């Protein structure tokens, strides 16, 4: 896949007069066996620009989402890179040439400290106030599901990923006797909580890594590859996952490690009223339960991490699951 995308990049750059300077990023679909995009810096029409080529496992309409956001966005604080040119090859693949961000930008590095978290959540509120409330493209079949059905679909996809990975190795990290009872409990909780929750149109990947600070009054929001319909509460749990579950020190004992999760829950609860969230506690718990199951299956079991690391992470997540489902 790597050579395929690199060869495609050369072809696209030649046909569109994009002068490649260097590769600046590449991302994978859970495992390094599955490259999903490559980003190059370069020059386009005498302007600094970036070229992103993607071939995902999921449907993605990034060029359309970015174009529509720039067209509709009314925020003067949170903007996005300008889209110069693009092509959607299939629902899962394509490319786009867009504005390169200014050289002097501040990156948010996870986990955020208290001051950065406050700044980030203020930006999240600005984003929710100004982001389109209605879809800016035709919805897929999956996006028309009820919130609980949508979550179950995602969990089944993660289950297949973990299963496919673990059958390839001699000594899997996941013990079915410990996992299955929690899995079944999670499904019941998700079905109950999200059967009455709405689906919302959102960026889908709003996390510290996607925000670039120019100054106190201007920020760039990037990566519109995941924009779509998601269950209410999805983004809130995603933030906790991105800023803590995926980057925290897994060598900590559970009592110390859990502090980061519950601290994030407290911070989000403070903005729940402005987000007009009803019954916040059961929503954030159910949303995090879905994330815990997904983290165990996709980010741990389907990953290339060493077995002992996987076991340590799974045990921490089991304890968190048990805490949230008491």
Protein backbone atom coordinates (compact mmCIF):
# COMPACT_ATOMS: atom_id res chain seq x y z
CA UNK A 1 0.00 0.00 0.00
CA UNK A 2 2.86 2.38 0.82
CA UNK A 3 4.40 2.10 -2.65
CA UNK A 4 0.95 2.42 -4.21
CA UNK A 5 0.23 5.71 -2.42
CA UNK A 6 3.74 7.03 -3.04
CA UNK A 7 3.47 6.27 -6.75
CA UNK A 8 0.05 7.92 -6.83
CA UNK A 9 1.56 11.00 -5.16
CA UNK A 10 4.17 11.29 -7.90
CA UNK A 11 1.49 10.96 -10.58
CA UNK A 12 -0.80 13.55 -8.96
CA UNK A 13 2.01 16.03 -8.34
CA UNK A 14 3.13 15.80 -11.96
CA UNK A 15 -0.38 16.18 -13.41
CA UNK A 16 -1.25 19.12 -11.14
CA UNK A 17 2.08 20.95 -11.01
CA UNK A 18 2.52 20.30 -7.31
CA UNK A 19 6.23 20.36 -6.46
CA UNK A 20 6.87 17.89 -3.64
CA UNK A 21 9.37 19.04 -1.03
CA UNK A 22 9.16 16.22 1.52
CA UNK A 23 6.89 13.72 3.21
CA UNK A 24 5.68 15.19 6.50
CA UNK A 25 3.22 12.61 7.82
CA UNK A 26 1.67 9.21 7.28
CA UNK A 27 -1.10 7.47 9.20
CA UNK A 28 -2.19 3.88 9.65
CA UNK A 29 -5.46 2.07 10.24
CA UNK A 30 -4.63 0.62 13.70
CA UNK A 31 -1.73 -1.53 12.43
CA UNK A 32 1.35 -0.66 10.36
CA UNK A 33 0.17 -3.32 7.96
CA UNK A 34 -2.49 -0.87 6.86
CA UNK A 35 -1.31 2.57 5.69
CA UNK A 36 -4.26 4.91 5.11
CA UNK A 37 -2.77 8.28 4.11
CA UNK A 38 0.40 10.19 3.30
CA UNK A 39 0.89 13.97 3.46
CA UNK A 40 3.57 15.90 1.56
CA UNK A 41 4.63 19.53 1.81
CA UNK A 42 5.44 21.41 -1.37
CA UNK A 43 4.59 24.28 -3.68
CA UNK A 44 1.37 24.76 -5.64
CA UNK A 45 0.90 27.79 -7.90
CA UNK A 46 3.83 29.48 -6.15
CA UNK A 47 2.22 29.03 -2.73
CA UNK A 48 3.30 26.74 0.12
CA UNK A 49 0.84 23.84 0.14
CA UNK A 50 0.33 20.26 1.23
CA UNK A 51 -0.79 17.23 -0.74
CA UNK A 52 -2.74 14.53 1.08
CA UNK A 53 -3.42 11.18 -0.55
CA UNK A 54 -5.72 8.77 1.24
CA UNK A 55 -6.95 5.21 0.85
CA UNK A 56 -9.03 4.40 3.91
CA UNK A 57 -10.94 1.36 5.12
CA UNK A 58 -13.91 3.61 5.84
CA UNK A 59 -15.88 5.94 3.61
CA UNK A 60 -14.44 9.43 3.81
CA UNK A 61 -15.42 12.64 2.08
CA UNK A 62 -12.67 14.91 3.41
CA UNK A 63 -12.40 17.25 0.38
CA UNK A 64 -16.16 17.85 0.36
CA UNK A 65 -16.30 18.33 4.15
CA UNK A 66 -13.39 20.79 4.15
CA UNK A 67 -14.80 22.71 1.19
CA UNK A 68 -18.26 22.97 2.77
CA UNK A 69 -16.87 23.96 6.16
CA UNK A 70 -14.88 26.82 4.62
CA UNK A 71 -17.94 27.91 2.69
CA UNK A 72 -20.29 27.94 5.68
CA UNK A 73 -17.99 28.67 8.65
CA UNK A 74 -18.72 32.01 10.33
CA UNK A 75 -16.20 31.77 13.15
CA UNK A 76 -13.39 34.32 13.11
CA UNK A 77 -11.53 32.36 15.76
CA UNK A 78 -11.54 28.81 14.43
CA UNK A 79 -10.86 28.39 10.71
CA UNK A 80 -9.59 25.64 8.41
CA UNK A 81 -6.96 25.42 5.63
CA UNK A 82 -8.04 26.63 2.20
CA UNK A 83 -8.76 23.87 -0.31
CA UNK A 84 -6.97 24.43 -3.63
CA UNK A 85 -7.76 21.29 -5.61
CA UNK A 86 -9.04 17.78 -5.01
CA UNK A 87 -10.35 14.57 -6.50
CA UNK A 88 -12.47 11.84 -4.94
CA UNK A 89 -11.47 8.59 -6.60
CA UNK A 90 -13.88 6.39 -4.64
CA UNK A 91 -15.85 6.69 -1.38
CA UNK A 92 -12.71 5.47 0.38
CA UNK A 93 -9.91 7.11 -1.61
CA UNK A 94 -8.83 10.38 -3.15
CA UNK A 95 -6.52 13.34 -2.72
CA UNK A 96 -6.52 17.04 -1.92
CA UNK A 97 -4.13 19.96 -2.22
CA UNK A 98 -4.63 22.56 0.48
CA UNK A 99 -3.09 25.54 2.18
CA UNK A 100 0.01 24.90 4.24
CA UNK A 101 -0.27 26.26 7.76
CA UNK A 102 1.97 29.18 8.80
CA UNK A 103 5.42 28.24 10.08
CA UNK A 104 4.89 29.78 13.49
CA UNK A 105 2.10 27.75 15.06
CA UNK A 106 1.69 26.32 18.52
CA UNK A 107 0.83 22.64 18.76
CA UNK A 108 -1.38 21.19 21.47
CA UNK A 109 0.44 18.19 22.91
CA UNK A 110 -1.49 15.55 24.81
CA UNK A 111 -2.10 15.07 27.63
CA UNK A 112 -3.06 18.72 28.09
CA UNK A 113 -2.30 20.54 31.31
CA UNK A 114 -5.09 22.33 33.18
CA UNK A 115 -4.59 25.68 31.39
CA UNK A 116 -4.42 24.04 27.95
CA UNK A 117 -7.50 21.94 28.67
CA UNK A 118 -9.51 25.05 29.51
CA UNK A 119 -8.34 26.72 26.29
CA UNK A 120 -9.16 23.60 24.29
CA UNK A 121 -12.67 23.31 25.72
CA UNK A 122 -13.33 26.98 24.96
CA UNK A 123 -12.39 26.20 21.36
CA UNK A 124 -14.67 23.17 21.44
CA UNK A 125 -17.57 25.39 22.48
CA UNK A 126 -16.72 27.87 19.71
CA UNK A 127 -16.70 24.98 17.24
CA UNK A 128 -20.07 23.64 18.41
CA UNK A 129 -21.60 27.12 18.24
CA UNK A 130 -20.49 27.70 14.66
CA UNK A 131 -20.31 24.23 13.07
CA UNK A 132 -23.21 23.41 10.71
CA UNK A 133 -26.12 21.80 12.53
CA UNK A 134 -27.33 20.01 9.40
CA UNK A 135 -25.39 17.65 7.09
CA UNK A 136 -23.57 19.34 4.22
CA UNK A 137 -23.64 16.21 2.05
CA UNK A 138 -25.87 13.22 1.42
CA UNK A 139 -25.76 10.80 4.35
CA UNK A 140 -24.61 7.22 4.04
CA UNK A 141 -26.84 4.31 5.04
CA UNK A 142 -24.91 3.82 8.29
CA UNK A 143 -25.34 7.49 9.23
CA UNK A 144 -29.10 7.02 9.06
CA UNK A 145 -29.02 4.44 11.86
CA UNK A 146 -30.31 5.18 15.35
CA UNK A 147 -27.59 6.19 17.84
CA UNK A 148 -27.51 2.79 19.61
CA UNK A 149 -27.43 0.92 16.27
CA UNK A 150 -24.59 3.12 15.05
CA UNK A 151 -22.49 2.28 18.12
CA UNK A 152 -23.19 -1.44 17.77
CA UNK A 153 -22.09 -1.29 14.13
CA UNK A 154 -18.80 0.32 15.16
CA UNK A 155 -18.20 -2.22 17.93
CA UNK A 156 -18.80 -5.14 15.57
CA UNK A 157 -16.22 -3.67 13.18
CA UNK A 158 -13.68 -3.40 16.01
CA UNK A 159 -14.48 -6.97 17.06
CA UNK A 160 -13.60 -8.23 13.58
CA UNK A 161 -10.34 -6.25 13.62
CA UNK A 162 -9.27 -7.76 16.94
CA UNK A 163 -10.33 -11.26 15.92
CA UNK A 164 -8.43 -11.09 12.61
CA UNK A 165 -5.29 -9.89 14.40
CA UNK A 166 -5.40 -12.37 17.27
CA UNK A 167 -5.91 -15.44 15.09
CA UNK A 168 -2.59 -14.60 13.44
CA UNK A 169 -0.58 -14.74 16.66
CA UNK A 170 0.22 -17.73 18.86
CA UNK A 171 -0.47 -16.14 22.24
CA UNK A 172 -3.35 -13.61 22.12
CA UNK A 173 -3.55 -11.00 24.88
CA UNK A 174 -7.33 -11.06 25.26
CA UNK A 175 -8.88 -13.65 27.55
CA UNK A 176 -12.46 -14.36 26.34
CA UNK A 177 -13.61 -15.35 29.85
CA UNK A 178 -12.72 -11.86 31.11
CA UNK A 179 -13.74 -9.90 28.04
CA UNK A 180 -17.03 -11.42 26.88
CA UNK A 181 -19.05 -10.70 30.08
CA UNK A 182 -17.93 -7.05 29.93
CA UNK A 183 -18.62 -6.93 26.19
CA UNK A 184 -22.17 -8.18 26.69
CA UNK A 185 -22.74 -5.76 29.57
CA UNK A 186 -21.47 -2.89 27.41
CA UNK A 187 -23.89 -3.76 24.62
CA UNK A 188 -26.82 -3.66 27.04
CA UNK A 189 -25.75 -0.30 28.48
CA UNK A 190 -25.20 1.20 25.02
CA UNK A 191 -28.54 -0.05 23.71
CA UNK A 192 -30.35 1.36 26.75
CA UNK A 193 -28.65 4.77 26.88
CA UNK A 194 -28.48 5.53 23.17
CA UNK A 195 -31.91 4.27 22.17
CA UNK A 196 -33.19 7.72 23.20
CA UNK A 197 -30.19 9.82 22.16
CA UNK A 198 -29.96 11.83 18.97
CA UNK A 199 -27.43 11.73 16.15
CA UNK A 200 -25.58 15.00 15.47
CA UNK A 201 -23.57 16.36 12.53
CA UNK A 202 -20.01 17.01 13.68
CA UNK A 203 -16.33 17.17 12.76
CA UNK A 204 -15.87 13.66 14.13
CA UNK A 205 -12.18 14.03 15.05
CA UNK A 206 -12.03 17.10 17.28
CA UNK A 207 -8.94 16.54 19.43
CA UNK A 208 -5.85 18.51 20.51
CA UNK A 209 -3.71 17.14 17.70
CA UNK A 210 -6.03 18.63 15.07
CA UNK A 211 -5.84 22.20 16.50
CA UNK A 212 -3.05 24.60 15.53
CA UNK A 213 -2.73 27.92 17.36
CA UNK A 214 -1.62 30.99 15.41
CA UNK A 215 -2.30 33.44 18.24
CA UNK A 216 -4.82 33.96 21.04
CA UNK A 217 -7.49 34.94 18.53
CA UNK A 218 -6.89 32.52 15.65
CA UNK A 219 -6.73 28.72 15.42
CA UNK A 220 -6.80 26.22 12.56
CA UNK A 221 -8.95 23.09 12.70
CA UNK A 222 -7.66 20.26 10.48
CA UNK A 223 -8.52 16.70 9.36
CA UNK A 224 -12.09 16.68 8.06
CA UNK A 225 -11.83 13.03 7.01
CA UNK A 226 -14.24 11.92 9.73
CA UNK A 227 -16.98 14.56 9.43
CA UNK A 228 -20.39 12.93 9.63
CA UNK A 229 -23.34 11.93 11.79
CA UNK A 230 -22.43 10.56 15.25
CA UNK A 231 -24.36 9.84 18.45
CA UNK A 232 -24.69 12.63 20.99
CA UNK A 233 -21.79 12.27 23.44
CA UNK A 234 -19.50 10.65 20.88
CA UNK A 235 -17.16 13.62 20.58
CA UNK A 236 -16.88 14.07 24.34
CA UNK A 237 -15.66 10.52 24.89
CA UNK A 238 -13.43 10.85 21.82
CA UNK A 239 -11.68 13.83 23.45
CA UNK A 240 -10.97 11.80 26.60
CA UNK A 241 -9.76 8.91 24.45
CA UNK A 242 -7.47 11.11 22.34
CA UNK A 243 -6.01 13.25 25.11
CA UNK A 244 -5.72 10.60 27.81
CA UNK A 245 -6.54 6.97 27.06
CA UNK A 246 -4.19 6.87 24.06
CA UNK A 247 -1.28 8.86 25.52
CA UNK A 248 -1.34 8.33 29.29
CA UNK A 249 1.36 6.51 31.22
CA UNK A 250 0.19 2.92 31.17
CA UNK A 251 2.79 1.96 33.79
CA UNK A 252 0.87 3.80 36.51
CA UNK A 253 -1.17 1.81 39.00
CA UNK A 254 -4.90 1.98 38.36
CA UNK A 255 -5.82 4.35 41.22
CA UNK A 256 -3.35 6.93 39.92
CA UNK A 257 -4.14 6.35 36.25
CA UNK A 258 -7.91 6.72 36.65
CA UNK A 259 -7.48 10.28 37.97
CA UNK A 260 -6.88 11.55 34.43
CA UNK A 261 -10.13 10.06 33.14
CA UNK A 262 -12.33 11.36 35.94
CA UNK A 263 -10.64 14.76 35.83
CA UNK A 264 -11.59 15.01 32.15
CA UNK A 265 -15.16 13.98 32.96
CA UNK A 266 -15.36 16.78 35.54
CA UNK A 267 -13.99 19.32 33.04
CA UNK A 268 -16.49 18.33 30.37
CA UNK A 269 -19.39 18.40 32.82
CA UNK A 270 -18.70 22.11 33.37
CA UNK A 271 -19.60 22.84 29.74
CA UNK A 272 -22.47 20.34 29.48
CA UNK A 273 -25.07 23.02 30.16
CA UNK A 274 -23.87 25.20 27.31
CA UNK A 275 -23.90 22.13 25.07
CA UNK A 276 -27.52 21.58 26.14
CA UNK A 277 -26.83 18.03 27.24
CA UNK A 278 -29.54 16.40 29.31
CA UNK A 279 -28.62 13.74 31.88
CA UNK A 280 -24.88 14.22 31.39
CA UNK A 281 -23.57 11.51 33.74
CA UNK A 282 -25.23 8.46 32.12
CA UNK A 283 -24.36 9.84 28.68
CA UNK A 284 -20.65 10.36 29.32
CA UNK A 285 -20.38 7.00 31.10
CA UNK A 286 -22.06 5.10 28.24
CA UNK A 287 -19.96 7.00 25.67
CA UNK A 288 -16.75 6.11 27.53
CA UNK A 289 -17.87 2.48 27.87
CA UNK A 290 -18.17 2.33 24.08
CA UNK A 291 -14.69 3.87 23.83
CA UNK A 292 -13.22 1.40 26.32
CA UNK A 293 -14.50 -1.55 24.29
CA UNK A 294 -13.17 0.05 21.11
CA UNK A 295 -9.79 0.77 22.69
CA UNK A 296 -9.40 -2.80 23.89
CA UNK A 297 -10.40 -4.32 20.55
CA UNK A 298 -8.91 -1.93 18.00
CA UNK A 299 -6.22 0.18 19.63
CA UNK A 300 -4.78 -2.61 21.76
CA UNK A 301 -5.63 -6.06 20.37
CA UNK A 302 -5.56 -5.11 16.67
CA UNK A 303 -2.34 -3.14 17.10
CA UNK A 304 1.32 -4.17 16.78
CA UNK A 305 2.13 -3.49 20.45
CA UNK A 306 4.09 -6.04 22.56
CA UNK A 307 1.94 -8.61 24.36
CA UNK A 308 2.89 -7.52 27.90
CA UNK A 309 1.99 -3.92 27.08
CA UNK A 310 -1.34 -5.08 25.70
CA UNK A 311 -2.12 -7.04 28.86
CA UNK A 312 -1.26 -4.08 31.10
CA UNK A 313 -3.49 -1.72 29.07
CA UNK A 314 -6.37 -4.19 28.95
CA UNK A 315 -6.29 -4.58 32.75
CA UNK A 316 -6.39 -0.82 33.28
CA UNK A 317 -9.32 -0.54 30.88
CA UNK A 318 -11.13 -3.41 32.60
CA UNK A 319 -10.81 -1.58 35.93
CA UNK A 320 -12.11 1.62 34.35
CA UNK A 321 -15.01 -0.28 32.80
CA UNK A 322 -15.87 -1.82 36.17
CA UNK A 323 -15.69 1.62 37.82
CA UNK A 324 -18.08 3.15 35.30
CA UNK A 325 -20.56 0.26 35.47
CA UNK A 326 -20.85 -0.09 39.24
